[in-house]
Amino acid sequence: VLRKLKKDGFLDVDDNKVTALADTIKMMVSFWIS
């Protein structure tokens, strides 16, 4: 999803950081409640 948003001009993120960014978001969501 993030790569598609980058391709469509909605995100400005280096290609080699897309997965790390997605993982950071997943981490925030997973541990927000705790």
All heavy atoms as atom14 arrays in JSON, in Angstrom:
{
  "sequence": "VLRKLKKDGFLDVDDNKVTALADTIKMMVSFWIS",
  "atom14_mask": [
    [1, 1, 1, 1, 1, 1, 1, 0, 0, 0, 0, 0, 0, 0],
    [1, 1, 1, 1, 1, 1, 1, 1, 0, 0, 0, 0, 0, 0],
    [1, 1, 1, 1, 1, 1, 1, 1, 1, 1, 1, 0, 0, 0],
    [1, 1, 1, 1, 1, 1, 1, 1, 1, 0, 0, 0, 0, 0],
    [1, 1, 1, 1, 1, 1, 1, 1, 0, 0, 0, 0, 0, 0],
    [1, 1, 1, 1, 1, 1, 1, 1, 1, 0, 0, 0, 0, 0],
    [1, 1, 1, 1, 1, 1, 1, 1, 1, 0, 0, 0, 0, 0],
    [1, 1, 1, 1, 1, 1, 1, 1, 0, 0, 0, 0, 0, 0],
    [1, 1, 1, 1, 0, 0, 0, 0, 0, 0, 0, 0, 0, 0],
    [1, 1, 1, 1, 1, 1, 1, 1, 1, 1, 1, 0, 0, 0],
    [1, 1, 1, 1, 1, 1, 1, 1, 0, 0, 0, 0, 0, 0],
    [1, 1, 1, 1, 1, 1, 1, 1, 0, 0, 0, 0, 0, 0],
    [1, 1, 1, 1, 1, 1, 1, 0, 0, 0, 0, 0, 0, 0],
    [1, 1, 1, 1, 1, 1, 1, 1, 0, 0, 0, 0, 0, 0],
    [1, 1, 1, 1, 1, 1, 1, 1, 0, 0, 0, 0, 0, 0],
    [1, 1, 1, 1, 1, 1, 1, 1, 0, 0, 0, 0, 0, 0],
    [1, 1, 1, 1, 1, 1, 1, 1, 1, 0, 0, 0, 0, 0],
    [1, 1, 1, 1, 1, 1, 1, 0, 0, 0, 0, 0, 0, 0],
    [1, 1, 1, 1, 1, 1, 1, 0, 0, 0, 0, 0, 0, 0],
    [1, 1, 1, 1, 1, 0, 0, 0, 0, 0, 0, 0, 0, 0],
    [1, 1, 1, 1, 1, 1, 1, 1, 0, 0, 0, 0, 0, 0],
    [1, 1, 1, 1, 1, 0, 0, 0, 0, 0, 0, 0, 0, 0],
    [1, 1, 1, 1, 1, 1, 1, 1, 0, 0, 0, 0, 0, 0],
    [1, 1, 1, 1, 1, 1, 1, 0, 0, 0, 0, 0, 0, 0],
    [1, 1, 1, 1, 1, 1, 1, 1, 0, 0, 0, 0, 0, 0],
    [1, 1, 1, 1, 1, 1, 1, 1, 1, 0, 0, 0, 0, 0],
    [1, 1, 1, 1, 1, 1, 1, 1, 0, 0, 0, 0, 0, 0],
    [1, 1, 1, 1, 1, 1, 1, 1, 0, 0, 0, 0, 0, 0],
    [1, 1, 1, 1, 1, 1, 1, 0, 0, 0, 0, 0, 0, 0],
    [1, 1, 1, 1, 1, 1, 0, 0, 0, 0, 0, 0, 0, 0],
    [1, 1, 1, 1, 1, 1, 1, 1, 1, 1, 1, 0, 0, 0],
    [1, 1, 1, 1, 1, 1, 1, 1, 1, 1, 1, 1, 1, 1],
    [1, 1, 1, 1, 1, 1, 1, 1, 0, 0, 0, 0, 0, 0],
    [1, 1, 1, 1, 1, 1, 0, 0, 0, 0, 0, 0, 0, 0]
  ],
  "atom14_positions": [
    [[0.84, -1.2, 0.0], [0.0, 0.0, 0.0], [0.88, 1.25, 0.0], [0.64, 2.2, -0.75], [-0.95, 0.01, 1.22], [-1.65, 1.37, 1.33], [-1.98, -1.11, 1.11], [0.0, 0.0, 0.0], [0.0, 0.0, 0.0], [0.0, 0.0, 0.0], [0.0, 0.0, 0.0], [0.0, 0.0, 0.0], [0.0, 0.0, 0.0], [0.0, 0.0, 0.0]],
    [[1.91, 1.27, 0.85], [2.8, 2.43, 0.92], [3.54, 2.64, -0.4], [3.71, 3.79, -0.84], [3.79, 2.26, 2.07], [3.22, 2.23, 3.49], [4.35, 2.19, 4.51], [2.31, 3.42, 3.76], [0.0, 0.0, 0.0], [0.0, 0.0, 0.0], [0.0, 0.0, 0.0], [0.0, 0.0, 0.0], [0.0, 0.0, 0.0], [0.0, 0.0, 0.0]],
    [[3.98, 1.56, -1.02], [4.65, 1.7, -2.33], [3.71, 2.29, -3.37], [4.11, 3.1, -4.2], [5.16, 0.33, -2.8], [6.36, -0.17, -2.03], [6.99, -1.4, -2.68], [7.99, -1.97, -1.8], [7.77, -2.95, -0.93], [6.55, -3.48, -0.86], [8.74, -3.39, -0.16], [0.0, 0.0, 0.0], [0.0, 0.0, 0.0], [0.0, 0.0, 0.0]],
    [[2.45, 1.87, -3.33], [1.47, 2.4, -4.28], [1.2, 3.87, -4.01], [1.09, 4.68, -4.95], [0.17, 1.6, -4.17], [-0.85, 1.87, -5.27], [-0.41, 1.26, -6.59], [-1.55, 1.19, -7.6], [-2.09, 2.49, -7.99], [0.0, 0.0, 0.0], [0.0, 0.0, 0.0], [0.0, 0.0, 0.0], [0.0, 0.0, 0.0], [0.0, 0.0, 0.0]],
    [[1.11, 4.25, -2.73], [0.92, 5.65, -2.39], [2.12, 6.49, -2.82], [1.97, 7.62, -3.28], [0.69, 5.8, -0.88], [-0.66, 5.31, -0.35], [-0.67, 5.32, 1.17], [-1.81, 6.17, -0.89], [0.0, 0.0, 0.0], [0.0, 0.0, 0.0], [0.0, 0.0, 0.0], [0.0, 0.0, 0.0], [0.0, 0.0, 0.0], [0.0, 0.0, 0.0]],
    [[3.31, 5.93, -2.71], [4.52, 6.62, -3.19], [4.47, 6.78, -4.71], [4.73, 7.87, -5.23], [5.77, 5.84, -2.77], [7.06, 6.36, -3.39], [8.25, 5.51, -3.0], [9.48, 5.85, -3.84], [9.94, 7.22, -3.66], [0.0, 0.0, 0.0], [0.0, 0.0, 0.0], [0.0, 0.0, 0.0], [0.0, 0.0, 0.0], [0.0, 0.0, 0.0]],
    [[4.13, 5.72, -5.39], [4.06, 5.74, -6.85], [3.03, 6.76, -7.34], [3.24, 7.44, -8.35], [3.7, 4.35, -7.37], [3.61, 4.26, -8.89], [3.23, 2.85, -9.32], [3.08, 2.77, -10.84], [2.67, 1.4, -11.27], [0.0, 0.0, 0.0], [0.0, 0.0, 0.0], [0.0, 0.0, 0.0], [0.0, 0.0, 0.0], [0.0, 0.0, 0.0]],
    [[1.93, 6.9, -6.59], [0.86, 7.81, -6.98], [1.08, 9.23, -6.45], [0.18, 10.07, -6.53], [-0.49, 7.28, -6.5], [-0.91, 6.02, -7.24], [-0.35, 5.75, -8.33], [-1.8, 5.3, -6.75], [0.0, 0.0, 0.0], [0.0, 0.0, 0.0], [0.0, 0.0, 0.0], [0.0, 0.0, 0.0], [0.0, 0.0, 0.0], [0.0, 0.0, 0.0]],
    [[2.26, 9.48, -5.89], [2.6, 10.84, -5.48], [2.06, 11.29, -4.15], [2.04, 12.48, -3.86], [0.0, 0.0, 0.0], [0.0, 0.0, 0.0], [0.0, 0.0, 0.0], [0.0, 0.0, 0.0], [0.0, 0.0, 0.0], [0.0, 0.0, 0.0], [0.0, 0.0, 0.0], [0.0, 0.0, 0.0], [0.0, 0.0, 0.0], [0.0, 0.0, 0.0]],
    [[1.63, 10.33, -3.3], [1.04, 10.7, -2.01], [2.02, 10.57, -0.86], [1.78, 11.1, 0.22], [-0.2, 9.83, -1.74], [-1.48, 10.57, -1.98], [-1.77, 11.11, -3.23], [-2.4, 10.74, -0.96], [-2.95, 11.79, -3.45], [-3.58, 11.43, -1.18], [-3.86, 11.96, -2.42], [0.0, 0.0, 0.0], [0.0, 0.0, 0.0], [0.0, 0.0, 0.0]],
    [[3.12, 9.86, -1.06], [4.14, 9.73, -0.02], [5.51, 9.97, -0.62], [5.79, 9.58, -1.76], [4.11, 8.32, 0.61], [2.93, 7.95, 1.51], [3.12, 6.54, 2.04], [2.77, 8.93, 2.66], [0.0, 0.0, 0.0], [0.0, 0.0, 0.0], [0.0, 0.0, 0.0], [0.0, 0.0, 0.0], [0.0, 0.0, 0.0], [0.0, 0.0, 0.0]],
    [[6.37, 10.6, 0.17], [7.75, 10.84, -0.23], [8.65, 10.06, 0.72], [9.0, 10.54, 1.81], [8.07, 12.34, -0.18], [9.49, 12.64, -0.63], [10.13, 11.74, -1.21], [9.96, 13.77, -0.4], [0.0, 0.0, 0.0], [0.0, 0.0, 0.0], [0.0, 0.0, 0.0], [0.0, 0.0, 0.0], [0.0, 0.0, 0.0], [0.0, 0.0, 0.0]],
    [[8.98, 8.84, 0.34], [9.8, 7.96, 1.18], [10.73, 7.17, 0.28], [10.36, 6.76, -0.83], [8.9, 7.01, 2.01], [7.95, 6.21, 1.14], [9.73, 6.09, 2.89], [0.0, 0.0, 0.0], [0.0, 0.0, 0.0], [0.0, 0.0, 0.0], [0.0, 0.0, 0.0], [0.0, 0.0, 0.0], [0.0, 0.0, 0.0], [0.0, 0.0, 0.0]],
    [[11.97, 6.97, 0.73], [12.93, 6.2, -0.05], [12.44, 4.77, -0.22], [11.86, 4.18, 0.7], [14.29, 6.17, 0.65], [14.95, 7.55, 0.7], [14.54, 8.43, -0.09], [15.86, 7.73, 1.53], [0.0, 0.0, 0.0], [0.0, 0.0, 0.0], [0.0, 0.0, 0.0], [0.0, 0.0, 0.0], [0.0, 0.0, 0.0], [0.0, 0.0, 0.0]],
    [[12.7, 4.22, -1.39], [12.26, 2.85, -1.68], [12.77, 1.85, -0.65], [12.04, 0.93, -0.25], [12.73, 2.42, -3.08], [11.99, 3.16, -4.19], [10.82, 3.57, -3.96], [12.56, 3.32, -5.28], [0.0, 0.0, 0.0], [0.0, 0.0, 0.0], [0.0, 0.0, 0.0], [0.0, 0.0, 0.0], [0.0, 0.0, 0.0], [0.0, 0.0, 0.0]],
    [[14.01, 2.04, -0.22], [14.6, 1.07, 0.71], [14.13, 1.25, 2.15], [14.55, 0.51, 3.04], [16.13, 1.13, 0.64], [16.68, 2.49, 1.07], [15.94, 3.45, 1.24], [17.99, 2.57, 1.25], [0.0, 0.0, 0.0], [0.0, 0.0, 0.0], [0.0, 0.0, 0.0], [0.0, 0.0, 0.0], [0.0, 0.0, 0.0], [0.0, 0.0, 0.0]],
    [[13.24, 2.23, 2.39], [12.72, 2.46, 3.74], [11.23, 2.17, 3.84], [10.64, 2.33, 4.92], [13.0, 3.9, 4.17], [14.49, 4.19, 4.36], [14.71, 5.61, 4.84], [16.19, 5.9, 5.06], [16.42, 7.3, 5.5], [0.0, 0.0, 0.0], [0.0, 0.0, 0.0], [0.0, 0.0, 0.0], [0.0, 0.0, 0.0], [0.0, 0.0, 0.0]],
    [[10.61, 1.74, 2.75], [9.16, 1.52, 2.76], [8.77, 0.43, 3.75], [7.84, 0.6, 4.56], [8.66, 1.17, 1.34], [7.22, 0.65, 1.39], [8.74, 2.37, 0.42], [0.0, 0.0, 0.0], [0.0, 0.0, 0.0], [0.0, 0.0, 0.0], [0.0, 0.0, 0.0], [0.0, 0.0, 0.0], [0.0, 0.0, 0.0], [0.0, 0.0, 0.0]],
    [[9.47, -0.69, 3.71], [9.12, -1.8, 4.61], [9.34, -1.41, 6.07], [8.52, -1.74, 6.95], [9.93, -3.05, 4.27], [9.63, -3.46, 2.93], [9.6, -4.2, 5.21], [0.0, 0.0, 0.0], [0.0, 0.0, 0.0], [0.0, 0.0, 0.0], [0.0, 0.0, 0.0], [0.0, 0.0, 0.0], [0.0, 0.0, 0.0], [0.0, 0.0, 0.0]],
    [[10.43, -0.69, 6.35], [10.69, -0.25, 7.72], [9.61, 0.72, 8.19], [9.19, 0.68, 9.35], [12.07, 0.42, 7.8], [0.0, 0.0, 0.0], [0.0, 0.0, 0.0], [0.0, 0.0, 0.0], [0.0, 0.0, 0.0], [0.0, 0.0, 0.0], [0.0, 0.0, 0.0], [0.0, 0.0, 0.0], [0.0, 0.0, 0.0], [0.0, 0.0, 0.0]],
    [[9.14, 1.59, 7.29], [8.07, 2.52, 7.64], [6.78, 1.75, 7.94], [6.09, 2.03, 8.93], [7.85, 3.52, 6.51], [6.71, 4.52, 6.69], [6.95, 5.38, 7.93], [6.58, 5.41, 5.45], [0.0, 0.0, 0.0], [0.0, 0.0, 0.0], [0.0, 0.0, 0.0], [0.0, 0.0, 0.0], [0.0, 0.0, 0.0], [0.0, 0.0, 0.0]],
    [[6.47, 0.78, 7.1], [5.27, -0.05, 7.32], [5.37, -0.79, 8.64], [4.39, -0.91, 9.39], [5.09, -1.03, 6.17], [0.0, 0.0, 0.0], [0.0, 0.0, 0.0], [0.0, 0.0, 0.0], [0.0, 0.0, 0.0], [0.0, 0.0, 0.0], [0.0, 0.0, 0.0], [0.0, 0.0, 0.0], [0.0, 0.0, 0.0], [0.0, 0.0, 0.0]],
    [[6.57, -1.28, 8.98], [6.76, -2.02, 10.22], [6.63, -1.1, 11.43], [6.1, -1.49, 12.48], [8.14, -2.69, 10.22], [8.27, -3.74, 11.3], [7.31, -4.51, 11.5], [9.33, -3.79, 11.94], [0.0, 0.0, 0.0], [0.0, 0.0, 0.0], [0.0, 0.0, 0.0], [0.0, 0.0, 0.0], [0.0, 0.0, 0.0], [0.0, 0.0, 0.0]],
    [[7.09, 0.14, 11.3], [6.95, 1.12, 12.38], [5.48, 1.42, 12.66], [5.05, 1.48, 13.82], [7.7, 2.42, 12.02], [9.09, 2.13, 11.84], [7.54, 3.46, 13.12], [0.0, 0.0, 0.0], [0.0, 0.0, 0.0], [0.0, 0.0, 0.0], [0.0, 0.0, 0.0], [0.0, 0.0, 0.0], [0.0, 0.0, 0.0], [0.0, 0.0, 0.0]],
    [[4.72, 1.6, 11.6], [3.28, 1.84, 11.75], [2.61, 0.63, 12.4], [1.78, 0.77, 13.31], [2.64, 2.15, 10.38], [3.16, 3.49, 9.86], [1.12, 2.15, 10.48], [2.8, 3.77, 8.42], [0.0, 0.0, 0.0], [0.0, 0.0, 0.0], [0.0, 0.0, 0.0], [0.0, 0.0, 0.0], [0.0, 0.0, 0.0], [0.0, 0.0, 0.0]],
    [[2.97, -0.58, 11.94], [2.41, -1.81, 12.51], [2.76, -1.92, 14.0], [1.93, -2.33, 14.81], [2.93, -3.02, 11.75], [2.35, -4.35, 12.18], [2.68, -5.45, 11.2], [4.14, -5.86, 11.29], [4.44, -6.57, 12.57], [0.0, 0.0, 0.0], [0.0, 0.0, 0.0], [0.0, 0.0, 0.0], [0.0, 0.0, 0.0], [0.0, 0.0, 0.0]],
    [[3.98, -1.55, 14.36], [4.4, -1.59, 15.75], [3.57, -0.63, 16.6], [3.11, -0.99, 17.7], [5.88, -1.23, 15.86], [6.43, -1.17, 17.27], [8.19, -0.8, 17.32], [8.21, 0.85, 16.58], [0.0, 0.0, 0.0], [0.0, 0.0, 0.0], [0.0, 0.0, 0.0], [0.0, 0.0, 0.0], [0.0, 0.0, 0.0], [0.0, 0.0, 0.0]],
    [[3.34, 0.57, 16.11], [2.54, 1.55, 16.85], [1.12, 1.04, 17.08], [0.57, 1.15, 18.18], [2.5, 2.88, 16.1], [3.76, 3.69, 16.19], [3.55, 5.33, 15.47], [2.31, 6.03, 16.56], [0.0, 0.0, 0.0], [0.0, 0.0, 0.0], [0.0, 0.0, 0.0], [0.0, 0.0, 0.0], [0.0, 0.0, 0.0], [0.0, 0.0, 0.0]],
    [[0.54, 0.48, 16.03], [-0.83, -0.03, 16.14], [-0.88, -1.21, 17.11], [-1.76, -1.3, 17.98], [-1.36, -0.45, 14.75], [-2.71, -1.14, 14.87], [-1.47, 0.77, 13.84], [0.0, 0.0, 0.0], [0.0, 0.0, 0.0], [0.0, 0.0, 0.0], [0.0, 0.0, 0.0], [0.0, 0.0, 0.0], [0.0, 0.0, 0.0], [0.0, 0.0, 0.0]],
    [[0.08, -2.13, 16.99], [0.06, -3.36, 17.79], [0.2, -3.08, 19.28], [-0.36, -3.81, 20.11], [1.19, -4.3, 17.34], [1.0, -4.71, 16.01], [0.0, 0.0, 0.0], [0.0, 0.0, 0.0], [0.0, 0.0, 0.0], [0.0, 0.0, 0.0], [0.0, 0.0, 0.0], [0.0, 0.0, 0.0], [0.0, 0.0, 0.0], [0.0, 0.0, 0.0]],
    [[0.96, -2.04, 19.66], [1.25, -1.82, 21.07], [0.64, -0.54, 21.63], [0.94, -0.16, 22.77], [2.77, -1.84, 21.28], [3.37, -3.19, 21.01], [4.02, -3.44, 19.82], [3.23, -4.22, 21.92], [4.55, -4.69, 19.55], [3.76, -5.48, 21.66], [4.42, -5.72, 20.47], [0.0, 0.0, 0.0], [0.0, 0.0, 0.0], [0.0, 0.0, 0.0]],
    [[-0.24, 0.11, 20.87], [-0.87, 1.33, 21.35], [-1.7, 1.06, 22.6], [-1.65, 1.8, 23.58], [-1.73, 1.96, 20.26], [-2.44, 3.2, 20.72], [-3.77, 3.34, 21.01], [-1.84, 4.49, 20.95], [-4.05, 4.63, 21.4], [-2.88, 5.35, 21.38], [-0.55, 4.99, 20.84], [-2.65, 6.69, 21.7], [-0.32, 6.32, 21.17], [-1.36, 7.15, 21.59]],
    [[-2.48, -0.01, 22.59], [-3.36, -0.31, 23.73], [-2.55, -0.64, 24.98], [-2.81, -0.09, 26.06], [-4.33, -1.45, 23.38], [-5.4, -0.94, 22.4], [-4.98, -2.03, 24.64], [-6.38, -1.99, 21.95], [0.0, 0.0, 0.0], [0.0, 0.0, 0.0], [0.0, 0.0, 0.0], [0.0, 0.0, 0.0], [0.0, 0.0, 0.0], [0.0, 0.0, 0.0]],
    [[-1.58, -1.52, 24.86], [-0.79, -1.87, 26.04], [0.0, -0.66, 26.55], [0.16, -0.49, 27.77], [0.17, -3.03, 25.73], [1.03, -2.72, 24.66], [0.0, 0.0, 0.0], [0.0, 0.0, 0.0], [0.0, 0.0, 0.0], [0.0, 0.0, 0.0], [0.0, 0.0, 0.0], [0.0, 0.0, 0.0], [0.0, 0.0, 0.0], [0.0, 0.0, 0.0]]
  ]
}
